[in-house]
Amino acid sequence: VALFKKSWLHGLIMQLVIIAITIPVVMIFYFPIIA
């Protein structure tokens, strides 16, 4: 918990970076199906 108080912002950035990289690839797969 004590370490999380120092790291929560960096953990959030980590999740956002992974999402930012994942979404375009997922959209490439799903866009033709949705269209």
Full PDB file with SEQRES, HELIX, SHEET, SSBOND, CRYST1, ORIGX, SCALE, CONECT and MASTER records, all heavy atoms in Angstrom:
SEQRES   1 A   35  VAL ALA LEU PHE LYS LYS SER TRP LEU HIS GLY LEU ILE          
SEQRES   2 A   35  MET GLN LEU VAL ILE ILE ALA ILE THR ILE PRO VAL VAL          
SEQRES   3 A   35  MET ILE PHE TYR PHE PRO ILE ILE ALA                          
HELIX    1 AA1 ALA A    2  ILE A   34  1                                  33    
CRYST1    1.000    1.000    1.000  90.00  90.00  90.00 P 1           1          
ORIGX1      1.000000  0.000000  0.000000        0.00000                         
ORIGX2      0.000000  1.000000  0.000000        0.00000                         
ORIGX3      0.000000  0.000000  1.000000        0.00000                         
SCALE1      1.000000  0.000000  0.000000        0.00000                         
SCALE2      0.000000  1.000000  0.000000        0.00000                         
SCALE3      0.000000  0.000000  1.000000        0.00000                         
ATOM      1  N   VAL A   1       0.832  -1.206   0.000  1.00  0.00           N  
ATOM      2  CA  VAL A   1       0.000   0.000   0.000  1.00  0.00           C  
ATOM      3  C   VAL A   1       0.868   1.257   0.000  1.00  0.00           C  
ATOM      4  O   VAL A   1       0.609   2.215  -0.737  1.00  0.00           O  
ATOM      5  CB  VAL A   1      -0.940   0.011   1.222  1.00  0.00           C  
ATOM      6  CG1 VAL A   1      -1.676   1.353   1.327  1.00  0.00           C  
ATOM      7  CG2 VAL A   1      -1.945  -1.135   1.137  1.00  0.00           C  
ATOM      8  N   ALA A   2       1.922   1.231   0.831  1.00  0.00           N  
ATOM      9  CA  ALA A   2       2.817   2.391   0.909  1.00  0.00           C  
ATOM     10  C   ALA A   2       3.485   2.650  -0.442  1.00  0.00           C  
ATOM     11  O   ALA A   2       3.623   3.807  -0.871  1.00  0.00           O  
ATOM     12  CB  ALA A   2       3.876   2.156   1.987  1.00  0.00           C  
ATOM     13  N   LEU A   3       3.890   1.595  -1.125  1.00  0.00           N  
ATOM     14  CA  LEU A   3       4.515   1.759  -2.435  1.00  0.00           C  
ATOM     15  C   LEU A   3       3.497   2.205  -3.477  1.00  0.00           C  
ATOM     16  O   LEU A   3       3.821   2.997  -4.367  1.00  0.00           O  
ATOM     17  CB  LEU A   3       5.169   0.439  -2.863  1.00  0.00           C  
ATOM     18  CG  LEU A   3       5.902   0.433  -4.201  1.00  0.00           C  
ATOM     19  CD1 LEU A   3       6.983   1.506  -4.242  1.00  0.00           C  
ATOM     20  CD2 LEU A   3       6.519  -0.943  -4.467  1.00  0.00           C  
ATOM     21  N   PHE A   4       2.272   1.723  -3.353  1.00  0.00           N  
ATOM     22  CA  PHE A   4       1.229   2.112  -4.307  1.00  0.00           C  
ATOM     23  C   PHE A   4       0.955   3.612  -4.235  1.00  0.00           C  
ATOM     24  O   PHE A   4       0.629   4.241  -5.254  1.00  0.00           O  
ATOM     25  CB  PHE A   4      -0.051   1.328  -4.027  1.00  0.00           C  
ATOM     26  CG  PHE A   4      -1.181   1.663  -4.957  1.00  0.00           C  
ATOM     27  CD1 PHE A   4      -1.152   1.260  -6.289  1.00  0.00           C  
ATOM     28  CD2 PHE A   4      -2.278   2.384  -4.507  1.00  0.00           C  
ATOM     29  CE1 PHE A   4      -2.182   1.582  -7.163  1.00  0.00           C  
ATOM     30  CE2 PHE A   4      -3.320   2.700  -5.374  1.00  0.00           C  
ATOM     31  CZ  PHE A   4      -3.273   2.296  -6.690  1.00  0.00           C  
ATOM     32  N   LYS A   5       1.078   4.190  -3.054  1.00  0.00           N  
ATOM     33  CA  LYS A   5       0.874   5.631  -2.907  1.00  0.00           C  
ATOM     34  C   LYS A   5       1.892   6.413  -3.737  1.00  0.00           C  
ATOM     35  O   LYS A   5       1.616   7.534  -4.174  1.00  0.00           O  
ATOM     36  CB  LYS A   5       0.980   6.027  -1.434  1.00  0.00           C  
ATOM     37  CG  LYS A   5      -0.143   5.482  -0.566  1.00  0.00           C  
ATOM     38  CD  LYS A   5       0.052   5.860   0.894  1.00  0.00           C  
ATOM     39  CE  LYS A   5      -1.057   5.292   1.762  1.00  0.00           C  
ATOM     40  NZ  LYS A   5      -0.867   5.610   3.209  1.00  0.00           N  
ATOM     41  N   LYS A   6       3.054   5.821  -3.955  1.00  0.00           N  
ATOM     42  CA  LYS A   6       4.077   6.466  -4.773  1.00  0.00           C  
ATOM     43  C   LYS A   6       3.907   6.165  -6.259  1.00  0.00           C  
ATOM     44  O   LYS A   6       4.322   6.947  -7.113  1.00  0.00           O  
ATOM     45  CB  LYS A   6       5.476   5.998  -4.356  1.00  0.00           C  
ATOM     46  CG  LYS A   6       5.868   6.293  -2.919  1.00  0.00           C  
ATOM     47  CD  LYS A   6       7.275   5.756  -2.654  1.00  0.00           C  
ATOM     48  CE  LYS A   6       7.726   5.981  -1.226  1.00  0.00           C  
ATOM     49  NZ  LYS A   6       9.088   5.447  -0.981  1.00  0.00           N  
ATOM     50  N   SER A   7       3.304   5.023  -6.557  1.00  0.00           N  
ATOM     51  CA  SER A   7       3.339   4.510  -7.933  1.00  0.00           C  
ATOM     52  C   SER A   7       2.018   4.589  -8.683  1.00  0.00           C  
ATOM     53  O   SER A   7       1.980   4.268  -9.873  1.00  0.00           O  
ATOM     54  CB  SER A   7       3.785   3.045  -7.916  1.00  0.00           C  
ATOM     55  OG  SER A   7       2.785   2.220  -7.333  1.00  0.00           O  
ATOM     56  N   TRP A   8       0.920   5.007  -8.032  1.00  0.00           N  
ATOM     57  CA  TRP A   8      -0.391   4.897  -8.670  1.00  0.00           C  
ATOM     58  C   TRP A   8      -0.461   5.649  -9.998  1.00  0.00           C  
ATOM     59  O   TRP A   8      -1.084   5.161 -10.963  1.00  0.00           O  
ATOM     60  CB  TRP A   8      -1.490   5.390  -7.732  1.00  0.00           C  
ATOM     61  CG  TRP A   8      -1.479   6.875  -7.467  1.00  0.00           C  
ATOM     62  CD1 TRP A   8      -0.863   7.522  -6.447  1.00  0.00           C  
ATOM     63  CD2 TRP A   8      -2.120   7.881  -8.258  1.00  0.00           C  
ATOM     64  NE1 TRP A   8      -1.062   8.876  -6.542  1.00  0.00           N  
ATOM     65  CE2 TRP A   8      -1.842   9.131  -7.642  1.00  0.00           C  
ATOM     66  CE3 TRP A   8      -2.904   7.864  -9.413  1.00  0.00           C  
ATOM     67  CZ2 TRP A   8      -2.311  10.339  -8.158  1.00  0.00           C  
ATOM     68  CZ3 TRP A   8      -3.367   9.064  -9.932  1.00  0.00           C  
ATOM     69  CH2 TRP A   8      -3.083  10.281  -9.303  1.00  0.00           C  
ATOM     70  N   LEU A   9       0.170   6.810 -10.070  1.00  0.00           N  
ATOM     71  CA  LEU A   9       0.123   7.574 -11.316  1.00  0.00           C  
ATOM     72  C   LEU A   9       0.855   6.842 -12.436  1.00  0.00           C  
ATOM     73  O   LEU A   9       0.379   6.799 -13.582  1.00  0.00           O  
ATOM     74  CB  LEU A   9       0.738   8.960 -11.106  1.00  0.00           C  
ATOM     75  CG  LEU A   9       0.781   9.866 -12.344  1.00  0.00           C  
ATOM     76  CD1 LEU A   9      -0.621  10.091 -12.898  1.00  0.00           C  
ATOM     77  CD2 LEU A   9       1.457  11.194 -12.019  1.00  0.00           C  
ATOM     78  N   HIS A  10       1.977   6.238 -12.107  1.00  0.00           N  
ATOM     79  CA  HIS A  10       2.754   5.505 -13.110  1.00  0.00           C  
ATOM     80  C   HIS A  10       2.017   4.223 -13.522  1.00  0.00           C  
ATOM     81  O   HIS A  10       2.101   3.807 -14.682  1.00  0.00           O  
ATOM     82  CB  HIS A  10       4.135   5.173 -12.555  1.00  0.00           C  
ATOM     83  CG  HIS A  10       4.911   6.383 -12.137  1.00  0.00           C  
ATOM     84  ND1 HIS A  10       5.502   7.237 -13.044  1.00  0.00           N  
ATOM     85  CD2 HIS A  10       5.169   6.910 -10.903  1.00  0.00           C  
ATOM     86  CE1 HIS A  10       6.095   8.223 -12.398  1.00  0.00           C  
ATOM     87  NE2 HIS A  10       5.900   8.054 -11.110  1.00  0.00           N  
ATOM     88  N   GLY A  11       1.292   3.622 -12.569  1.00  0.00           N  
ATOM     89  CA  GLY A  11       0.471   2.461 -12.908  1.00  0.00           C  
ATOM     90  C   GLY A  11      -0.655   2.840 -13.853  1.00  0.00           C  
ATOM     91  O   GLY A  11      -0.984   2.097 -14.785  1.00  0.00           O  
ATOM     92  N   LEU A  12      -1.251   4.013 -13.634  1.00  0.00           N  
ATOM     93  CA  LEU A  12      -2.294   4.514 -14.524  1.00  0.00           C  
ATOM     94  C   LEU A  12      -1.738   4.763 -15.924  1.00  0.00           C  
ATOM     95  O   LEU A  12      -2.360   4.380 -16.929  1.00  0.00           O  
ATOM     96  CB  LEU A  12      -2.879   5.807 -13.955  1.00  0.00           C  
ATOM     97  CG  LEU A  12      -3.852   6.572 -14.869  1.00  0.00           C  
ATOM     98  CD1 LEU A  12      -5.068   5.728 -15.200  1.00  0.00           C  
ATOM     99  CD2 LEU A  12      -4.266   7.885 -14.215  1.00  0.00           C  
ATOM    100  N   ILE A  13      -0.572   5.372 -15.982  1.00  0.00           N  
ATOM    101  CA  ILE A  13       0.059   5.631 -17.281  1.00  0.00           C  
ATOM    102  C   ILE A  13       0.347   4.316 -18.004  1.00  0.00           C  
ATOM    103  O   ILE A  13       0.148   4.202 -19.218  1.00  0.00           O  
ATOM    104  CB  ILE A  13       1.357   6.441 -17.100  1.00  0.00           C  
ATOM    105  CG1 ILE A  13       1.033   7.852 -16.590  1.00  0.00           C  
ATOM    106  CG2 ILE A  13       2.140   6.521 -18.410  1.00  0.00           C  
ATOM    107  CD1 ILE A  13       2.248   8.676 -16.223  1.00  0.00           C  
ATOM    108  N   MET A  14       0.801   3.317 -17.251  1.00  0.00           N  
ATOM    109  CA  MET A  14       1.070   2.006 -17.846  1.00  0.00           C  
ATOM    110  C   MET A  14      -0.188   1.440 -18.500  1.00  0.00           C  
ATOM    111  O   MET A  14      -0.159   0.977 -19.655  1.00  0.00           O  
ATOM    112  CB  MET A  14       1.573   1.026 -16.777  1.00  0.00           C  
ATOM    113  CG  MET A  14       1.747  -0.399 -17.289  1.00  0.00           C  
ATOM    114  SD  MET A  14       2.178  -1.592 -15.995  1.00  0.00           S  
ATOM    115  CE  MET A  14       0.628  -1.672 -15.088  1.00  0.00           C  
ATOM    116  N   GLN A  15      -1.319   1.493 -17.790  1.00  0.00           N  
ATOM    117  CA  GLN A  15      -2.565   0.967 -18.328  1.00  0.00           C  
ATOM    118  C   GLN A  15      -3.007   1.747 -19.565  1.00  0.00           C  
ATOM    119  O   GLN A  15      -3.470   1.167 -20.551  1.00  0.00           O  
ATOM    120  CB  GLN A  15      -3.666   1.027 -17.253  1.00  0.00           C  
ATOM    121  CG  GLN A  15      -3.388   0.212 -16.006  1.00  0.00           C  
ATOM    122  CD  GLN A  15      -3.309  -1.275 -16.273  1.00  0.00           C  
ATOM    123  OE1 GLN A  15      -3.769  -1.769 -17.307  1.00  0.00           O  
ATOM    124  NE2 GLN A  15      -2.724  -2.011 -15.346  1.00  0.00           N  
ATOM    125  N   LEU A  16      -2.857   3.069 -19.530  1.00  0.00           N  
ATOM    126  CA  LEU A  16      -3.268   3.896 -20.660  1.00  0.00           C  
ATOM    127  C   LEU A  16      -2.405   3.636 -21.886  1.00  0.00           C  
ATOM    128  O   LEU A  16      -2.907   3.631 -23.021  1.00  0.00           O  
ATOM    129  CB  LEU A  16      -3.203   5.375 -20.273  1.00  0.00           C  
ATOM    130  CG  LEU A  16      -4.216   5.847 -19.218  1.00  0.00           C  
ATOM    131  CD1 LEU A  16      -3.980   7.308 -18.863  1.00  0.00           C  
ATOM    132  CD2 LEU A  16      -5.645   5.635 -19.716  1.00  0.00           C  
ATOM    133  N   VAL A  17      -1.117   3.408 -21.669  1.00  0.00           N  
ATOM    134  CA  VAL A  17      -0.217   3.111 -22.792  1.00  0.00           C  
ATOM    135  C   VAL A  17      -0.610   1.790 -23.449  1.00  0.00           C  
ATOM    136  O   VAL A  17      -0.677   1.680 -24.685  1.00  0.00           O  
ATOM    137  CB  VAL A  17       1.253   3.058 -22.317  1.00  0.00           C  
ATOM    138  CG1 VAL A  17       2.148   2.479 -23.414  1.00  0.00           C  
ATOM    139  CG2 VAL A  17       1.736   4.442 -21.926  1.00  0.00           C  
ATOM    140  N   ILE A  18      -0.894   0.780 -22.628  1.00  0.00           N  
ATOM    141  CA  ILE A  18      -1.294  -0.529 -23.161  1.00  0.00           C  
ATOM    142  C   ILE A  18      -2.602  -0.408 -23.941  1.00  0.00           C  
ATOM    143  O   ILE A  18      -2.753  -0.966 -25.036  1.00  0.00           O  
ATOM    144  CB  ILE A  18      -1.436  -1.555 -22.025  1.00  0.00           C  
ATOM    145  CG1 ILE A  18      -0.064  -1.857 -21.415  1.00  0.00           C  
ATOM    146  CG2 ILE A  18      -2.068  -2.852 -22.541  1.00  0.00           C  
ATOM    147  CD1 ILE A  18      -0.106  -2.772 -20.204  1.00  0.00           C  
ATOM    148  N   ILE A  19      -3.556   0.349 -23.390  1.00  0.00           N  
ATOM    149  CA  ILE A  19      -4.842   0.550 -24.074  1.00  0.00           C  
ATOM    150  C   ILE A  19      -4.644   1.299 -25.392  1.00  0.00           C  
ATOM    151  O   ILE A  19      -5.232   0.939 -26.419  1.00  0.00           O  
ATOM    152  CB  ILE A  19      -5.816   1.324 -23.159  1.00  0.00           C  
ATOM    153  CG1 ILE A  19      -6.238   0.448 -21.982  1.00  0.00           C  
ATOM    154  CG2 ILE A  19      -7.051   1.770 -23.944  1.00  0.00           C  
ATOM    155  CD1 ILE A  19      -7.071   1.169 -20.952  1.00  0.00           C  
ATOM    156  N   ALA A  20      -3.805   2.334 -25.369  1.00  0.00           N  
ATOM    157  CA  ALA A  20      -3.566   3.133 -26.569  1.00  0.00           C  
ATOM    158  C   ALA A  20      -2.952   2.293 -27.680  1.00  0.00           C  
ATOM    159  O   ALA A  20      -3.218   2.520 -28.868  1.00  0.00           O  
ATOM    160  CB  ALA A  20      -2.653   4.309 -26.233  1.00  0.00           C  
ATOM    161  N   ILE A  21      -2.138   1.311 -27.318  1.00  0.00           N  
ATOM    162  CA  ILE A  21      -1.515   0.443 -28.314  1.00  0.00           C  
ATOM    163  C   ILE A  21      -2.488  -0.636 -28.781  1.00  0.00           C  
ATOM    164  O   ILE A  21      -2.488  -1.031 -29.948  1.00  0.00           O  
ATOM    165  CB  ILE A  21      -0.238  -0.204 -27.732  1.00  0.00           C  
ATOM    166  CG1 ILE A  21       0.814   0.884 -27.467  1.00  0.00           C  
ATOM    167  CG2 ILE A  21       0.316  -1.269 -28.677  1.00  0.00           C  
ATOM    168  CD1 ILE A  21       2.047   0.373 -26.748  1.00  0.00           C  
ATOM    169  N   THR A  22      -3.343  -1.081 -27.867  1.00  0.00           N  
ATOM    170  CA  THR A  22      -4.258  -2.187 -28.176  1.00  0.00           C  
ATOM    171  C   THR A  22      -5.441  -1.773 -29.030  1.00  0.00           C  
ATOM    172  O   THR A  22      -5.821  -2.485 -29.968  1.00  0.00           O  
ATOM    173  CB  THR A  22      -4.775  -2.810 -26.862  1.00  0.00           C  
ATOM    174  OG1 THR A  22      -3.675  -3.264 -26.077  1.00  0.00           O  
ATOM    175  CG2 THR A  22      -5.708  -3.982 -27.159  1.00  0.00           C  
ATOM    176  N   ILE A  23      -6.030  -0.616 -28.748  1.00  0.00           N  
ATOM    177  CA  ILE A  23      -7.266  -0.196 -29.427  1.00  0.00           C  
ATOM    178  C   ILE A  23      -7.137  -0.158 -30.952  1.00  0.00           C  
ATOM    179  O   ILE A  23      -8.012  -0.687 -31.661  1.00  0.00           O  
ATOM    180  CB  ILE A  23      -7.743   1.166 -28.892  1.00  0.00           C  
ATOM    181  CG1 ILE A  23      -8.322   0.991 -27.488  1.00  0.00           C  
ATOM    182  CG2 ILE A  23      -8.783   1.786 -29.811  1.00  0.00           C  
ATOM    183  CD1 ILE A  23      -8.804   2.281 -26.859  1.00  0.00           C  
ATOM    184  N   PRO A  24      -6.085   0.435 -31.532  1.00  0.00           N  
ATOM    185  CA  PRO A  24      -5.997   0.454 -33.002  1.00  0.00           C  
ATOM    186  C   PRO A  24      -5.989  -0.944 -33.622  1.00  0.00           C  
ATOM    187  O   PRO A  24      -6.614  -1.174 -34.663  1.00  0.00           O  
ATOM    188  CB  PRO A  24      -4.671   1.180 -33.265  1.00  0.00           C  
ATOM    189  CG  PRO A  24      -4.451   2.012 -32.047  1.00  0.00           C  
ATOM    190  CD  PRO A  24      -4.978   1.193 -30.922  1.00  0.00           C  
ATOM    191  N   VAL A  25      -5.282  -1.878 -32.965  1.00  0.00           N  
ATOM    192  CA  VAL A  25      -5.217  -3.244 -33.496  1.00  0.00           C  
ATOM    193  C   VAL A  25      -6.585  -3.915 -33.404  1.00  0.00           C  
ATOM    194  O   VAL A  25      -7.024  -4.606 -34.335  1.00  0.00           O  
ATOM    195  CB  VAL A  25      -4.164  -4.072 -32.724  1.00  0.00           C  
ATOM    196  CG1 VAL A  25      -4.119  -5.499 -33.252  1.00  0.00           C  
ATOM    197  CG2 VAL A  25      -2.796  -3.414 -32.845  1.00  0.00           C  
ATOM    198  N   VAL A  26      -7.272  -3.710 -32.283  1.00  0.00           N  
ATOM    199  CA  VAL A  26      -8.606  -4.284 -32.117  1.00  0.00           C  
ATOM    200  C   VAL A  26      -9.572  -3.706 -33.147  1.00  0.00           C  
ATOM    201  O   VAL A  26     -10.398  -4.425 -33.730  1.00  0.00           O  
ATOM    202  CB  VAL A  26      -9.129  -4.025 -30.688  1.00  0.00           C  
ATOM    203  CG1 VAL A  26     -10.589  -4.473 -30.562  1.00  0.00           C  
ATOM    204  CG2 VAL A  26      -8.271  -4.752 -29.665  1.00  0.00           C  
ATOM    205  N   MET A  27      -9.463  -2.414 -33.403  1.00  0.00           N  
ATOM    206  CA  MET A  27     -10.353  -1.773 -34.376  1.00  0.00           C  
ATOM    207  C   MET A  27     -10.107  -2.306 -35.785  1.00  0.00           C  
ATOM    208  O   MET A  27     -11.047  -2.438 -36.579  1.00  0.00           O  
ATOM    209  CB  MET A  27     -10.151  -0.262 -34.337  1.00  0.00           C  
ATOM    210  CG  MET A  27     -10.704   0.403 -33.088  1.00  0.00           C  
ATOM    211  SD  MET A  27     -12.468   0.085 -32.845  1.00  0.00           S  
ATOM    212  CE  MET A  27     -13.160   0.839 -34.319  1.00  0.00           C  
ATOM    213  N   ILE A  28      -8.847  -2.597 -36.102  1.00  0.00           N  
ATOM    214  CA  ILE A  28      -8.531  -3.158 -37.422  1.00  0.00           C  
ATOM    215  C   ILE A  28      -9.267  -4.480 -37.618  1.00  0.00           C  
ATOM    216  O   ILE A  28      -9.737  -4.807 -38.717  1.00  0.00           O  
ATOM    217  CB  ILE A  28      -7.012  -3.360 -37.584  1.00  0.00           C  
ATOM    218  CG1 ILE A  28      -6.308  -1.995 -37.679  1.00  0.00           C  
ATOM    219  CG2 ILE A  28      -6.694  -4.205 -38.811  1.00  0.00           C  
ATOM    220  CD1 ILE A  28      -4.794  -2.091 -37.693  1.00  0.00           C  
ATOM    221  N   PHE A  29      -9.380  -5.239 -36.535  1.00  0.00           N  
ATOM    222  CA  PHE A  29     -10.045  -6.541 -36.611  1.00  0.00           C  
ATOM    223  C   PHE A  29     -11.565  -6.387 -36.677  1.00  0.00           C  
ATOM    224  O   PHE A  29     -12.241  -7.035 -37.487  1.00  0.00           O  
ATOM    225  CB  PHE A  29      -9.673  -7.393 -35.393  1.00  0.00           C  
ATOM    226  CG  PHE A  29     -10.388  -8.718 -35.350  1.00  0.00           C  
ATOM    227  CD1 PHE A  29      -9.998  -9.759 -36.174  1.00  0.00           C  
ATOM    228  CD2 PHE A  29     -11.457  -8.913 -34.495  1.00  0.00           C  
ATOM    229  CE1 PHE A  29     -10.661 -10.983 -36.142  1.00  0.00           C  
ATOM    230  CE2 PHE A  29     -12.129 -10.128 -34.455  1.00  0.00           C  
ATOM    231  CZ  PHE A  29     -11.730 -11.170 -35.280  1.00  0.00           C  
ATOM    232  N   TYR A  30     -12.121  -5.521 -35.844  1.00  0.00           N  
ATOM    233  CA  TYR A  30     -13.575  -5.426 -35.719  1.00  0.00           C  
ATOM    234  C   TYR A  30     -14.235  -4.504 -36.731  1.00  0.00           C  
ATOM    235  O   TYR A  30     -15.431  -4.669 -37.024  1.00  0.00           O  
ATOM    236  CB  TYR A  30     -13.957  -4.969 -34.301  1.00  0.00           C  
ATOM    237  CG  TYR A  30     -13.924  -6.090 -33.295  1.00  0.00           C  
ATOM    238  CD1 TYR A  30     -12.903  -6.175 -32.357  1.00  0.00           C  
ATOM    239  CD2 TYR A  30     -14.915  -7.072 -33.283  1.00  0.00           C  
ATOM    240  CE1 TYR A  30     -12.865  -7.207 -31.435  1.00  0.00           C  
ATOM    241  CE2 TYR A  30     -14.895  -8.103 -32.370  1.00  0.00           C  
ATOM    242  CZ  TYR A  30     -13.862  -8.169 -31.439  1.00  0.00           C  
ATOM    243  OH  TYR A  30     -13.825  -9.189 -30.535  1.00  0.00           O  
ATOM    244  N   PHE A  31     -13.491  -3.532 -37.265  1.00  0.00           N  
ATOM    245  CA  PHE A  31     -14.123  -2.581 -38.181  1.00  0.00           C  
ATOM    246  C   PHE A  31     -14.756  -3.255 -39.399  1.00  0.00           C  
ATOM    247  O   PHE A  31     -15.904  -2.936 -39.758  1.00  0.00           O  
ATOM    248  CB  PHE A  31     -13.116  -1.519 -38.633  1.00  0.00           C  
ATOM    249  CG  PHE A  31     -13.706  -0.492 -39.554  1.00  0.00           C  
ATOM    250  CD1 PHE A  31     -14.503   0.524 -39.055  1.00  0.00           C  
ATOM    251  CD2 PHE A  31     -13.476  -0.558 -40.924  1.00  0.00           C  
ATOM    252  CE1 PHE A  31     -15.069   1.472 -39.907  1.00  0.00           C  
ATOM    253  CE2 PHE A  31     -14.036   0.376 -41.776  1.00  0.00           C  
ATOM    254  CZ  PHE A  31     -14.833   1.396 -41.271  1.00  0.00           C  
ATOM    255  N   PRO A  32     -14.062  -4.194 -40.079  1.00  0.00           N  
ATOM    256  CA  PRO A  32     -14.712  -4.850 -41.233  1.00  0.00           C  
ATOM    257  C   PRO A  32     -15.979  -5.598 -40.834  1.00  0.00           C  
ATOM    258  O   PRO A  32     -16.952  -5.623 -41.592  1.00  0.00           O  
ATOM    259  CB  PRO A  32     -13.627  -5.818 -41.735  1.00  0.00           C  
ATOM    260  CG  PRO A  32     -12.345  -5.258 -41.231  1.00  0.00           C  
ATOM    261  CD  PRO A  32     -12.671  -4.656 -39.899  1.00  0.00           C  
ATOM    262  N   ILE A  33     -15.963  -6.213 -39.637  1.00  0.00           N  
ATOM    263  CA  ILE A  33     -17.139  -6.966 -39.193  1.00  0.00           C  
ATOM    264  C   ILE A  33     -18.297  -6.016 -38.910  1.00  0.00           C  
ATOM    265  O   ILE A  33     -19.448  -6.269 -39.296  1.00  0.00           O  
ATOM    266  CB  ILE A  33     -16.796  -7.788 -37.933  1.00  0.00           C  
ATOM    267  CG1 ILE A  33     -15.695  -8.796 -38.258  1.00  0.00           C  
ATOM    268  CG2 ILE A  33     -18.024  -8.505 -37.407  1.00  0.00           C  
ATOM    269  CD1 ILE A  33     -15.217  -9.595 -37.062  1.00  0.00           C  
ATOM    270  N   ILE A  34     -18.007  -4.905 -38.235  1.00  0.00           N  
ATOM    271  CA  ILE A  34     -19.047  -3.929 -37.926  1.00  0.00           C  
ATOM    272  C   ILE A  34     -19.609  -3.309 -39.217  1.00  0.00           C  
ATOM    273  O   ILE A  34     -20.829  -3.152 -39.373  1.00  0.00           O  
ATOM    274  CB  ILE A  34     -18.490  -2.818 -37.008  1.00  0.00           C  
ATOM    275  CG1 ILE A  34     -18.092  -3.418 -35.648  1.00  0.00           C  
ATOM    276  CG2 ILE A  34     -19.518  -1.710 -36.808  1.00  0.00           C  
ATOM    277  CD1 ILE A  34     -17.366  -2.442 -34.744  1.00  0.00           C  
ATOM    278  N   ALA A  35     -18.690  -2.987 -40.144  1.00  0.00           N  
ATOM    279  CA  ALA A  35     -19.121  -2.390 -41.412  1.00  0.00           C  
ATOM    280  C   ALA A  35     -19.995  -3.368 -42.203  1.00  0.00           C  
ATOM    281  O   ALA A  35     -21.015  -2.986 -42.793  1.00  0.00           O  
ATOM    282  CB  ALA A  35     -17.903  -1.991 -42.229  1.00  0.00           C  
TER     283      ALA A  35                                                      
MASTER        0    0    0    1    0    0    0    6  282    1    0    3          
END                                                                             
